[in-house]
PDB file of N, CA and C in Angstrom:
ATOM      1  N   MET A   1     105.659  86.587  89.679  1.00  0.00           N
ATOM      2  CA  MET A   1     106.140  87.809  90.294  1.00  0.00           C
ATOM      3  C   MET A   1     106.282  88.833  89.176  1.00  0.00           C
ATOM      4  N   ARG A   2     106.900  88.456  88.074  1.00  0.00           N
ATOM      5  CA  ARG A   2     107.149  89.395  86.947  1.00  0.00           C
ATOM      6  C   ARG A   2     105.764  90.012  86.518  1.00  0.00           C
ATOM      7  N   GLU A   3     104.771  89.248  86.341  1.00  0.00           N
ATOM      8  CA  GLU A   3     103.547  89.689  85.944  1.00  0.00           C
ATOM      9  C   GLU A   3     102.891  90.685  86.958  1.00  0.00           C
ATOM     10  N   SER A   4     103.142  90.448  88.240  1.00  0.00           N
ATOM     11  CA  SER A   4     102.508  91.251  89.218  1.00  0.00           C
ATOM     12  C   SER A   4     103.047  92.614  89.288  1.00  0.00           C
ATOM     13  N   VAL A   5     104.288  92.801  88.763  1.00  0.00           N
ATOM     14  CA  VAL A   5     104.894  94.133  88.725  1.00  0.00           C
ATOM     15  C   VAL A   5     104.779  94.737  87.286  1.00  0.00           C
ATOM     16  N   GLY A   6     103.998  94.130  86.448  1.00  0.00           N
ATOM     17  CA  GLY A   6     103.771  94.709  85.110  1.00  0.00           C
ATOM     18  C   GLY A   6     104.741  94.334  84.086  1.00  0.00           C
ATOM     19  N   TRP A   7     105.596  93.276  84.251  1.00  0.00           N
ATOM     20  CA  TRP A   7     106.523  92.830  83.279  1.00  0.00           C
ATOM     21  C   TRP A   7     105.995  91.638  82.546  1.00  0.00           C
ATOM     22  N   ASN A   8     106.580  91.327  81.424  1.00  0.00           N
ATOM     23  CA  ASN A   8     106.211  90.148  80.633  1.00  0.00           C
ATOM     24  C   ASN A   8     106.749  88.823  81.450  1.00  0.00           C
ATOM     25  N   ARG A   9     106.088  87.812  81.174  1.00  0.00           N
ATOM     26  CA  ARG A   9     106.415  86.597  81.966  1.00  0.00           C
ATOM     27  C   ARG A   9     107.696  85.852  81.513  1.00  0.00           C
ATOM     28  N   LEU A  10     108.043  85.919  80.261  1.00  0.00           N
ATOM     29  CA  LEU A  10     109.243  85.296  79.671  1.00  0.00           C
ATOM     30  C   LEU A  10     109.363  83.764  80.094  1.00  0.00           C
ATOM     31  N   GLU A  11     108.279  83.083  80.098  1.00  0.00           N
ATOM     32  CA  GLU A  11     108.263  81.699  80.687  1.00  0.00           C
ATOM     33  C   GLU A  11     109.248  80.853  79.755  1.00  0.00           C
ATOM     34  N   GLU A  12     109.174  80.875  78.468  1.00  0.00           N
ATOM     35  CA  GLU A  12     109.968  80.071  77.614  1.00  0.00           C
ATOM     36  C   GLU A  12     111.503  80.474  77.775  1.00  0.00           C
ATOM     37  N   GLU A  13     111.822  81.782  77.872  1.00  0.00           N
ATOM     38  CA  GLU A  13     113.133  82.214  77.926  1.00  0.00           C
ATOM     39  C   GLU A  13     113.796  81.787  79.343  1.00  0.00           C
ATOM     40  N   PHE A  14     112.999  81.853  80.438  1.00  0.00           N
ATOM     41  CA  PHE A  14     113.531  81.580  81.677  1.00  0.00           C
ATOM     42  C   PHE A  14     113.690  79.997  81.905  1.00  0.00           C
ATOM     43  N   SER A  15     113.105  79.197  81.073  1.00  0.00           N
ATOM     44  CA  SER A  15     113.240  77.813  81.160  1.00  0.00           C
ATOM     45  C   SER A  15     114.401  77.273  80.178  1.00  0.00           C
ATOM     46  N   HIS A  16     115.038  78.189  79.528  1.00  0.00           N
ATOM     47  CA  HIS A  16     116.063  77.766  78.651  1.00  0.00           C
ATOM     48  C   HIS A  16     117.314  77.281  79.390  1.00  0.00           C
ATOM     49  N   PRO A  17     117.978  76.119  79.020  1.00  0.00           N
ATOM     50  CA  PRO A  17     119.006  75.594  79.773  1.00  0.00           C
ATOM     51  C   PRO A  17     120.234  76.453  79.807  1.00  0.00           C
ATOM     52  N   LEU A  18     120.445  77.359  78.928  1.00  0.00           N
ATOM     53  CA  LEU A  18     121.644  78.236  78.852  1.00  0.00           C
ATOM     54  C   LEU A  18     121.522  79.472  79.705  1.00  0.00           C
ATOM     55  N   LEU A  19     120.289  79.767  80.178  1.00  0.00           N
ATOM     56  CA  LEU A  19     120.133  80.972  80.954  1.00  0.00           C
ATOM     57  C   LEU A  19     120.610  80.738  82.390  1.00  0.00           C
ATOM     58  N   ARG A  20     121.595  81.479  82.924  1.00  0.00           N
ATOM     59  CA  ARG A  20     122.094  81.337  84.208  1.00  0.00           C
ATOM     60  C   ARG A  20     122.303  82.675  84.816  1.00  0.00           C
ATOM     61  N   ASP A  21     122.027  82.845  86.038  1.00  0.00           N
ATOM     62  CA  ASP A  21     122.357  84.032  86.842  1.00  0.00           C
ATOM     63  C   ASP A  21     123.706  83.845  87.427  1.00  0.00           C
ATOM     64  N   TYR A  22     124.430  84.879  87.732  1.00  0.00           N
ATOM     65  CA  TYR A  22     125.603  84.845  88.584  1.00  0.00           C
ATOM     66  C   TYR A  22     125.135  84.453  89.891  1.00  0.00           C
ATOM     67  N   PHE A  23     124.108  85.130  90.494  1.00  0.00           N
ATOM     68  CA  PHE A  23     123.364  84.761  91.664  1.00  0.00           C
ATOM     69  C   PHE A  23     122.061  85.528  91.680  1.00  0.00           C
ATOM     70  N   SER A  24     121.132  85.004  92.509  1.00  0.00           N
ATOM     71  CA  SER A  24     119.906  85.684  92.776  1.00  0.00           C
ATOM     72  C   SER A  24     119.648  85.759  94.191  1.00  0.00           C
ATOM     73  N   ILE A  25     118.825  86.603  94.672  1.00  0.00           N
ATOM     74  CA  ILE A  25     118.321  86.727  96.033  1.00  0.00           C
ATOM     75  C   ILE A  25     116.843  86.818  96.008  1.00  0.00           C
ATOM     76  N   SER A  26     116.191  86.185  96.899  1.00  0.00           N
ATOM     77  CA  SER A  26     114.773  86.131  96.987  1.00  0.00           C
ATOM     78  C   SER A  26     114.335  86.446  98.372  1.00  0.00           C
ATOM     79  N   CYS A  27     113.204  87.041  98.517  1.00  0.00           N
ATOM     80  CA  CYS A  27     112.536  87.324  99.803  1.00  0.00           C
ATOM     81  C   CYS A  27     111.164  86.647  99.818  1.00  0.00           C
ATOM     82  N   TRP A  28     110.841  86.007 100.906  1.00  0.00           N
ATOM     83  CA  TRP A  28     109.597  85.174 101.014  1.00  0.00           C
ATOM     84  C   TRP A  28     108.804  85.666 102.208  1.00  0.00           C
ATOM     85  N   ASP A  29     107.491  85.627 102.008  1.00  0.00           N
ATOM     86  CA  ASP A  29     106.542  85.775 103.171  1.00  0.00           C
ATOM     87  C   ASP A  29     105.877  84.444 103.302  1.00  0.00           C
ATOM     88  N   ASP A  30     106.230  83.631 104.189  1.00  0.00           N
ATOM     89  CA  ASP A  30     105.750  82.239 104.263  1.00  0.00           C
ATOM     90  C   ASP A  30     106.183  81.592 102.989  1.00  0.00           C
ATOM     91  N   GLU A  31     105.230  81.093 102.204  1.00  0.00           N
ATOM     92  CA  GLU A  31     105.585  80.445 100.935  1.00  0.00           C
ATOM     93  C   GLU A  31     105.340  81.279  99.673  1.00  0.00           C
ATOM     94  N   ASN A  32     105.163  82.566  99.857  1.00  0.00           N
ATOM     95  CA  ASN A  32     104.922  83.481  98.807  1.00  0.00           C
ATOM     96  C   ASN A  32     106.170  84.295  98.445  1.00  0.00           C
ATOM     97  N   LEU A  33     106.627  84.326  97.251  1.00  0.00           N
ATOM     98  CA  LEU A  33     107.738  85.138  96.867  1.00  0.00           C
ATOM     99  C   LEU A  33     107.267  86.558  96.758  1.00  0.00           C
ATOM    100  N   VAL A  34     107.954  87.465  97.515  1.00  0.00           N
ATOM    101  CA  VAL A  34     107.537  88.852  97.605  1.00  0.00           C
ATOM    102  C   VAL A  34     108.650  89.804  97.082  1.00  0.00           C
ATOM    103  N   GLY A  35     109.871  89.283  96.909  1.00  0.00           N
ATOM    104  CA  GLY A  35     110.981  90.111  96.421  1.00  0.00           C
ATOM    105  C   GLY A  35     111.959  89.215  95.755  1.00  0.00           C
ATOM    106  N   TYR A  36     112.660  89.797  94.598  1.00  0.00           N
ATOM    107  CA  TYR A  36     113.590  89.054  93.789  1.00  0.00           C
ATOM    108  C   TYR A  36     114.481  89.981  93.173  1.00  0.00           C
ATOM    109  N   LEU A  37     115.781  89.584  93.164  1.00  0.00           N
ATOM    110  CA  LEU A  37     116.826  90.305  92.363  1.00  0.00           C
ATOM    111  C   LEU A  37     117.746  89.309  91.778  1.00  0.00           C
ATOM    112  N   SER A  38     118.087  89.542  90.538  1.00  0.00           N
ATOM    113  CA  SER A  38     119.087  88.705  89.822  1.00  0.00           C
ATOM    114  C   SER A  38     120.260  89.461  89.306  1.00  0.00           C
ATOM    115  N   VAL A  39     121.416  88.842  89.367  1.00  0.00           N
ATOM    116  CA  VAL A  39     122.596  89.420  88.860  1.00  0.00           C
ATOM    117  C   VAL A  39     123.323  88.549  87.758  1.00  0.00           C
ATOM    118  N   VAL A  40     123.755  89.147  86.718  1.00  0.00           N
ATOM    119  CA  VAL A  40     124.551  88.370  85.704  1.00  0.00           C
ATOM    120  C   VAL A  40     125.904  88.980  85.725  1.00  0.00           C
ATOM    121  N   SER A  41     126.917  88.188  85.555  1.00  0.00           N
ATOM    122  CA  SER A  41     128.354  88.750  85.604  1.00  0.00           C
ATOM    123  C   SER A  41     129.284  87.830  84.847  1.00  0.00           C
ATOM    124  N   ASN A  42     130.432  88.395  84.514  1.00  0.00           N
ATOM    125  CA  ASN A  42     131.570  87.663  83.964  1.00  0.00           C
ATOM    126  C   ASN A  42     132.317  87.004  85.150  1.00  0.00           C
ATOM    127  N   GLY A  43     131.955  87.333  86.407  1.00  0.00           N
ATOM    128  CA  GLY A  43     132.540  86.777  87.509  1.00  0.00           C
ATOM    129  C   GLY A  43     133.936  87.394  87.939  1.00  0.00           C
ATOM    130  N   VAL A  44     134.403  88.325  87.194  1.00  0.00           N
ATOM    131  CA  VAL A  44     135.684  88.899  87.525  1.00  0.00           C
ATOM    132  C   VAL A  44     135.657  90.462  87.692  1.00  0.00           C
ATOM    133  N   THR A  45     135.151  91.106  86.725  1.00  0.00           N
ATOM    134  CA  THR A  45     135.203  92.593  86.761  1.00  0.00           C
ATOM    135  C   THR A  45     133.861  93.266  86.739  1.00  0.00           C
ATOM    136  N   ASP A  46     132.873  92.769  85.979  1.00  0.00           N
ATOM    137  CA  ASP A  46     131.680  93.495  85.707  1.00  0.00           C
ATOM    138  C   ASP A  46     130.457  92.615  86.098  1.00  0.00           C
ATOM    139  N   ALA A  47     129.302  93.281  86.515  1.00  0.00           N
ATOM    140  CA  ALA A  47     128.108  92.644  86.885  1.00  0.00           C
ATOM    141  C   ALA A  47     127.008  93.566  86.471  1.00  0.00           C
ATOM    142  N   TYR A  48     125.859  92.998  86.162  1.00  0.00           N
ATOM    143  CA  TYR A  48     124.645  93.715  85.826  1.00  0.00           C
ATOM    144  C   TYR A  48     123.479  93.206  86.634  1.00  0.00           C
ATOM    145  N   ILE A  49     122.901  94.064  87.290  1.00  0.00           N
ATOM    146  CA  ILE A  49     121.680  93.754  88.050  1.00  0.00           C
ATOM    147  C   ILE A  49     120.500  93.759  87.028  1.00  0.00           C
ATOM    148  N   GLN A  50     120.034  92.624  86.820  1.00  0.00           N
ATOM    149  CA  GLN A  50     119.164  92.401  85.717  1.00  0.00           C
ATOM    150  C   GLN A  50     117.732  92.628  86.196  1.00  0.00           C
ATOM    151  N   ASP A  51     117.273  92.120  87.374  1.00  0.00           N
ATOM    152  CA  ASP A  51     115.913  92.192  87.730  1.00  0.00           C
ATOM    153  C   ASP A  51     115.870  92.596  89.256  1.00  0.00           C
ATOM    154  N   VAL A  52     115.169  93.572  89.485  1.00  0.00           N
ATOM    155  CA  VAL A  52     114.757  93.908  90.927  1.00  0.00           C
ATOM    156  C   VAL A  52     113.263  94.084  90.958  1.00  0.00           C
ATOM    157  N   MET A  53     112.631  93.281  91.708  1.00  0.00           N
ATOM    158  CA  MET A  53     111.176  93.322  91.727  1.00  0.00           C
ATOM    159  C   MET A  53     110.622  93.014  93.137  1.00  0.00           C
ATOM    160  N   VAL A  54     109.589  93.717  93.550  1.00  0.00           N
ATOM    161  CA  VAL A  54     108.944  93.513  94.849  1.00  0.00           C
ATOM    162  C   VAL A  54     107.413  93.469  94.483  1.00  0.00           C
ATOM    163  N   ALA A  55     106.776  92.486  94.994  1.00  0.00           N
ATOM    164  CA  ALA A  55     105.305  92.324  94.787  1.00  0.00           C
ATOM    165  C   ALA A  55     104.587  93.589  95.272  1.00  0.00           C
ATOM    166  N   PRO A  56     103.623  94.066  94.478  1.00  0.00           N
ATOM    167  CA  PRO A  56     103.049  95.402  94.803  1.00  0.00           C
ATOM    168  C   PRO A  56     102.510  95.480  96.265  1.00  0.00           C
ATOM    169  N   ALA A  57     101.990  94.464  96.869  1.00  0.00           N
ATOM    170  CA  ALA A  57     101.512  94.546  98.162  1.00  0.00           C
ATOM    171  C   ALA A  57     102.569  94.834  99.264  1.00  0.00           C
ATOM    172  N   PHE A  58     103.885  94.487  98.828  1.00  0.00           N
ATOM    173  CA  PHE A  58     105.037  94.545  99.752  1.00  0.00           C
ATOM    174  C   PHE A  58     105.996  95.761  99.377  1.00  0.00           C
ATOM    175  N   GLN A  59     105.561  96.571  98.440  1.00  0.00           N
ATOM    176  CA  GLN A  59     106.484  97.641  98.024  1.00  0.00           C
ATOM    177  C   GLN A  59     106.392  98.736  99.224  1.00  0.00           C
ATOM    178  N   LYS A  60     107.462  99.496  99.207  1.00  0.00           N
ATOM    179  CA  LYS A  60     107.657 100.610 100.151  1.00  0.00           C
ATOM    180  C   LYS A  60     107.796 100.208 101.590  1.00  0.00           C
ATOM    181  N   LYS A  61     108.353  98.963 101.677  1.00  0.00           N
ATOM    182  CA  LYS A  61     108.650  98.382 103.055  1.00  0.00           C
ATOM    183  C   LYS A  61     110.107  98.091 103.212  1.00  0.00           C
ATOM    184  N   GLY A  62     110.947  98.508 102.318  1.00  0.00           N
ATOM    185  CA  GLY A  62     112.414  98.330 102.429  1.00  0.00           C
ATOM    186  C   GLY A  62     112.932  96.976 101.834  1.00  0.00           C
ATOM    187  N   ILE A  63     112.120  96.146 101.270  1.00  0.00           N
ATOM    188  CA  ILE A  63     112.521  94.902 100.671  1.00  0.00           C
ATOM    189  C   ILE A  63     113.544  95.154  99.494  1.00  0.00           C
ATOM    190  N   GLY A  64     113.119  95.962  98.564  1.00  0.00           N
ATOM    191  CA  GLY A  64     113.966  96.231  97.496  1.00  0.00           C
ATOM    192  C   GLY A  64     115.313  96.807  97.946  1.00  0.00           C
ATOM    193  N   THR A  65     115.273  97.664  98.899  1.00  0.00           N
ATOM    194  CA  THR A  65     116.531  98.250  99.534  1.00  0.00           C
ATOM    195  C   THR A  65     117.429  97.164 100.103  1.00  0.00           C
ATOM    196  N   ARG A  66     116.835  96.273 100.789  1.00  0.00           N
ATOM    197  CA  ARG A  66     117.650  95.196 101.396  1.00  0.00           C
ATOM    198  C   ARG A  66     118.166  94.269 100.310  1.00  0.00           C
ATOM    199  N   LEU A  67     117.431  93.951  99.312  1.00  0.00           N
ATOM    200  CA  LEU A  67     117.930  93.174  98.226  1.00  0.00           C
ATOM    201  C   LEU A  67     119.091  93.861  97.478  1.00  0.00           C
ATOM    202  N   MET A  68     119.048  95.077  97.263  1.00  0.00           N
ATOM    203  CA  MET A  68     120.067  95.810  96.598  1.00  0.00           C
ATOM    204  C   MET A  68     121.348  95.838  97.524  1.00  0.00           C
ATOM    205  N   GLU A  69     121.165  96.090  98.803  1.00  0.00           N
ATOM    206  CA  GLU A  69     122.239  96.131  99.729  1.00  0.00           C
ATOM    207  C   GLU A  69     122.961  94.761  99.743  1.00  0.00           C
ATOM    208  N   HIS A  70     122.228  93.652  99.883  1.00  0.00           N
ATOM    209  CA  HIS A  70     122.843  92.366  99.853  1.00  0.00           C
ATOM    210  C   HIS A  70     123.584  92.135  98.606  1.00  0.00           C
ATOM    211  N   ALA A  71     122.983  92.475  97.424  1.00  0.00           N
ATOM    212  CA  ALA A  71     123.624  92.133  96.194  1.00  0.00           C
ATOM    213  C   ALA A  71     124.955  93.022  96.022  1.00  0.00           C
ATOM    214  N   LEU A  72     124.883  94.261  96.370  1.00  0.00           N
ATOM    215  CA  LEU A  72     126.072  95.119  96.169  1.00  0.00           C
ATOM    216  C   LEU A  72     127.195  94.645  97.166  1.00  0.00           C
ATOM    217  N   ASN A  73     126.818  94.261  98.342  1.00  0.00           N
ATOM    218  CA  ASN A  73     127.829  93.801  99.225  1.00  0.00           C
ATOM    219  C   ASN A  73     128.416  92.548  98.798  1.00  0.00           C
ATOM    220  N   LYS A  74     127.688  91.649  98.347  1.00  0.00           N
ATOM    221  CA  LYS A  74     128.189  90.338  97.744  1.00  0.00           C
ATOM    222  C   LYS A  74     129.131  90.653  96.584  1.00  0.00           C
ATOM    223  N   LEU A  75     128.708  91.475  95.702  1.00  0.00           N
ATOM    224  CA  LEU A  75     129.670  91.866  94.488  1.00  0.00           C
ATOM    225  C   LEU A  75     130.905  92.471  94.950  1.00  0.00           C
ATOM    226  N   LYS A  76     130.849  93.387  95.969  1.00  0.00           N
ATOM    227  CA  LYS A  76     132.046  94.055  96.434  1.00  0.00           C
ATOM    228  C   LYS A  76     132.935  92.971  97.121  1.00  0.00           C
ATOM    229  N   THR A  77     132.439  92.116  97.910  1.00  0.00           N
ATOM    230  CA  THR A  77     133.207  91.086  98.524  1.00  0.00           C
ATOM    231  C   THR A  77     133.914  90.205  97.529  1.00  0.00           C
ATOM    232  N   GLU A  78     133.227  89.966  96.438  1.00  0.00           N
ATOM    233  CA  GLU A  78     133.739  89.092  95.379  1.00  0.00           C
ATOM    234  C   GLU A  78     134.735  89.703  94.445  1.00  0.00           C
ATOM    235  N   GLY A  79     135.000  91.067  94.651  1.00  0.00           N
ATOM    236  CA  GLY A  79     135.925  91.803  93.830  1.00  0.00           C
ATOM    237  C   GLY A  79     135.377  92.349  92.481  1.00  0.00           C
ATOM    238  N   ILE A  80     134.158  92.295  92.308  1.00  0.00           N
ATOM    239  CA  ILE A  80     133.567  92.949  91.158  1.00  0.00           C
ATOM    240  C   ILE A  80     133.572  94.404  91.367  1.00  0.00           C
ATOM    241  N   TYR A  81     134.084  95.192  90.407  1.00  0.00           N
ATOM    242  CA  TYR A  81     134.184  96.609  90.612  1.00  0.00           C
ATOM    243  C   TYR A  81     133.286  97.514  89.725  1.00  0.00           C
ATOM    244  N   MET A  82     132.644  96.894  88.759  1.00  0.00           N
ATOM    245  CA  MET A  82     131.806  97.695  87.902  1.00  0.00           C
ATOM    246  C   MET A  82     130.353  97.058  87.865  1.00  0.00           C
ATOM    247  N   VAL A  83     129.437  97.743  88.357  1.00  0.00           N
ATOM    248  CA  VAL A  83     128.029  97.223  88.453  1.00  0.00           C
ATOM    249  C   VAL A  83     127.144  98.156  87.650  1.00  0.00           C
ATOM    250  N   SER A  84     126.345  97.647  86.790  1.00  0.00           N
ATOM    251  CA  SER A  84     125.418  98.370  86.000  1.00  0.00           C
ATOM    252  C   SER A  84     123.996  97.872  86.112  1.00  0.00           C
ATOM    253  N   LEU A  85     122.985  98.732  85.779  1.00  0.00           N
ATOM    254  CA  LEU A  85     121.658  98.334  85.715  1.00  0.00           C
ATOM    255  C   LEU A  85     120.895  99.244  84.768  1.00  0.00           C
ATOM    256  N   ILE A  86     119.743  98.792  84.366  1.00  0.00           N
ATOM    257  CA  ILE A  86     118.924  99.660  83.517  1.00  0.00           C
ATOM    258  C   ILE A  86     117.618  99.801  84.274  1.00  0.00           C
ATOM    259  N   TYR A  87     117.115 101.079  84.306  1.00  0.00           N
ATOM    260  CA  TYR A  87     115.714 101.270  84.821  1.00  0.00           C
ATOM    261  C   TYR A  87     114.958 102.013  83.827  1.00  0.00           C
ATOM    262  N   GLY A  88     113.669 101.680  83.635  1.00  0.00           N
ATOM    263  CA  GLY A  88     112.967 102.202  82.504  1.00  0.00           C
ATOM    264  C   GLY A  88     112.077 103.439  82.866  1.00  0.00           C
ATOM    265  N   ASP A  89     112.109 103.805  84.161  1.00  0.00           N
ATOM    266  CA  ASP A  89     111.342 104.919  84.569  1.00  0.00           C
ATOM    267  C   ASP A  89     112.100 105.947  85.271  1.00  0.00           C
ATOM    268  N   GLU A  90     112.072 107.215  84.735  1.00  0.00           N
ATOM    269  CA  GLU A  90     112.826 108.286  85.363  1.00  0.00           C
ATOM    270  C   GLU A  90     112.606 108.431  86.922  1.00  0.00           C
ATOM    271  N   SER A  91     111.395 108.051  87.340  1.00  0.00           N
ATOM    272  CA  SER A  91     111.124 108.197  88.675  1.00  0.00           C
ATOM    273  C   SER A  91     112.032 107.338  89.598  1.00  0.00           C
ATOM    274  N   LEU A  92     112.633 106.324  88.997  1.00  0.00           N
ATOM    275  CA  LEU A  92     113.557 105.397  89.834  1.00  0.00           C
ATOM    276  C   LEU A  92     114.961 105.916  89.962  1.00  0.00           C
ATOM    277  N   ARG A  93     115.288 107.057  89.263  1.00  0.00           N
ATOM    278  CA  ARG A  93     116.610 107.550  89.272  1.00  0.00           C
ATOM    279  C   ARG A  93     117.110 107.828  90.763  1.00  0.00           C
ATOM    280  N   ALA A  94     116.341 108.545  91.481  1.00  0.00           N
ATOM    281  CA  ALA A  94     116.827 108.821  92.933  1.00  0.00           C
ATOM    282  C   ALA A  94     116.929 107.590  93.763  1.00  0.00           C
ATOM    283  N   TYR A  95     116.149 106.548  93.481  1.00  0.00           N
ATOM    284  CA  TYR A  95     116.204 105.390  94.234  1.00  0.00           C
ATOM    285  C   TYR A  95     117.602 104.649  93.990  1.00  0.00           C
ATOM    286  N   TYR A  96     118.004 104.537  92.745  1.00  0.00           N
ATOM    287  CA  TYR A  96     119.263 103.928  92.453  1.00  0.00           C
ATOM    288  C   TYR A  96     120.496 104.789  92.761  1.00  0.00           C
ATOM    289  N   GLU A  97     120.232 106.067  92.747  1.00  0.00           N
ATOM    290  CA  GLU A  97     121.436 107.064  93.076  1.00  0.00           C
ATOM    291  C   GLU A  97     121.697 106.845  94.559  1.00  0.00           C
ATOM    292  N   LYS A  98     120.728 106.499  95.360  1.00  0.00           N
ATOM    293  CA  LYS A  98     121.084 106.430  96.826  1.00  0.00           C
ATOM    294  C   LYS A  98     122.011 105.298  97.056  1.00  0.00           C
ATOM    295  N   PHE A  99     122.123 104.311  96.103  1.00  0.00           N
ATOM    296  CA  PHE A  99     123.135 103.241  96.295  1.00  0.00           C
ATOM    297  C   PHE A  99     124.464 103.572  95.588  1.00  0.00           C
ATOM    298  N   GLY A 100     124.582 104.769  95.030  1.00  0.00           N
ATOM    299  CA  GLY A 100     125.840 105.171  94.363  1.00  0.00           C
ATOM    300  C   GLY A 100     125.783 105.102  92.858  1.00  0.00           C
ATOM    301  N   PHE A 101     124.700 104.699  92.286  1.00  0.00           N
ATOM    302  CA  PHE A 101     124.702 104.620  90.771  1.00  0.00           C
ATOM    303  C   PHE A 101     124.652 105.995  90.191  1.00  0.00           C
ATOM    304  N   SER A 102     125.299 106.237  89.037  1.00  0.00           N
ATOM    305  CA  SER A 102     125.186 107.442  88.384  1.00  0.00           C
ATOM    306  C   SER A 102     124.588 107.181  87.062  1.00  0.00           C
ATOM    307  N   THR A 103     123.933 108.161  86.508  1.00  0.00           N
ATOM    308  CA  THR A 103     123.267 108.016  85.201  1.00  0.00           C
ATOM    309  C   THR A 103     124.283 108.359  84.058  1.00  0.00           C
ATOM    310  N   MET A 104     124.306 107.415  83.139  1.00  0.00           N
ATOM    311  CA  MET A 104     125.219 107.515  82.065  1.00  0.00           C
ATOM    312  C   MET A 104     124.493 107.314  80.658  1.00  0.00           C
ATOM    313  N   LEU A 105     125.069 107.834  79.616  1.00  0.00           N
ATOM    314  CA  LEU A 105     124.484 107.601  78.301  1.00  0.00           C
ATOM    315  C   LEU A 105     124.523 106.169  77.996  1.00  0.00           C
ATOM    316  N   SER A 106     123.476 105.676  77.430  1.00  0.00           N
ATOM    317  CA  SER A 106     123.449 104.222  77.135  1.00  0.00           C
ATOM    318  C   SER A 106     122.504 103.962  75.958  1.00  0.00           C
ATOM    319  N   GLY A 107     122.484 102.769  75.490  1.00  0.00           N
ATOM    320  CA  GLY A 107     121.650 102.457  74.502  1.00  0.00           C
ATOM    321  C   GLY A 107     121.119 100.988  74.746  1.00  0.00           C
ATOM    322  N   GLN A 108     119.902 100.735  74.280  1.00  0.00           N
ATOM    323  CA  GLN A 108     119.411  99.357  74.373  1.00  0.00           C
ATOM    324  C   GLN A 108     118.562  99.063  73.148  1.00  0.00           C
ATOM    325  N   LEU A 109     118.698  97.930  72.572  1.00  0.00           N
ATOM    326  CA  LEU A 109     117.983  97.541  71.453  1.00  0.00           C
ATOM    327  C   LEU A 109     117.323  96.116  71.722  1.00  0.00           C
ATOM    328  N   GLU A 110     116.020  96.006  71.607  1.00  0.00           N
ATOM    329  CA  GLU A 110     115.329  94.688  71.784  1.00  0.00           C
ATOM    330  C   GLU A 110     115.258  94.104  70.389  1.00  0.00           C
ATOM    331  N   LEU A 111     115.914  92.991  70.210  1.00  0.00           N
ATOM    332  CA  LEU A 111     115.930  92.298  68.904  1.00  0.00           C
ATOM    333  C   LEU A 111     114.794  91.410  68.711  1.00  0.00           C
ATOM    334  N   LYS A 112     114.194  90.972  69.802  1.00  0.00           N
ATOM    335  CA  LYS A 112     113.034  89.943  69.625  1.00  0.00           C
ATOM    336  C   LYS A 112     111.810  90.541  70.334  1.00  0.00           C
ATOM    337  N   GLU A 113     110.676  90.619  69.638  1.00  0.00           N
ATOM    338  CA  GLU A 113     109.607  91.063  70.347  1.00  0.00           C
ATOM    339  C   GLU A 113     108.938  89.971  71.095  1.00  0.00           C
ATOM    340  N   ILE A 114     108.670  90.267  72.355  1.00  0.00           N
ATOM    341  CA  ILE A 114     108.156  89.222  73.290  1.00  0.00           C
ATOM    342  C   ILE A 114     106.707  89.456  73.572  1.00  0.00           C
TER     343      ILE A 114
END
C-alpha cells in the first residue's frame, strides 16, 4: 500500500517489535487493502494521525474521508483532545481543514535516511 501511493516501504521498521499503533483502521475490497489509517497516541491527551493512504485506483471515492471520520470520532470518544498530523503537500491543506485541522508552524527533522 505504501509503495502504491509513492511512499517508502519501511519494511524493516514496520516489523520492529517496539513499533505499535494506538489503533489503525483499514478498508478492504474483497481481499485487497485499499485504505489505511494509523494513529499513535499517549492514550490520554494527544494523538498523531501518522498515515492516511488510499490505493490510487480507489482515491476520490470517500474512503479517506470515512477513515478520518472514524478515527476522529474514536479519539473524541476516548477523551483525546489534541490531534495532529503532518501532510507534505500544500494541495492537501483544504482536505484536512474540512475536518477542523488548522495549519500551525511546525518543524520536522529526519534523522535516518531511509
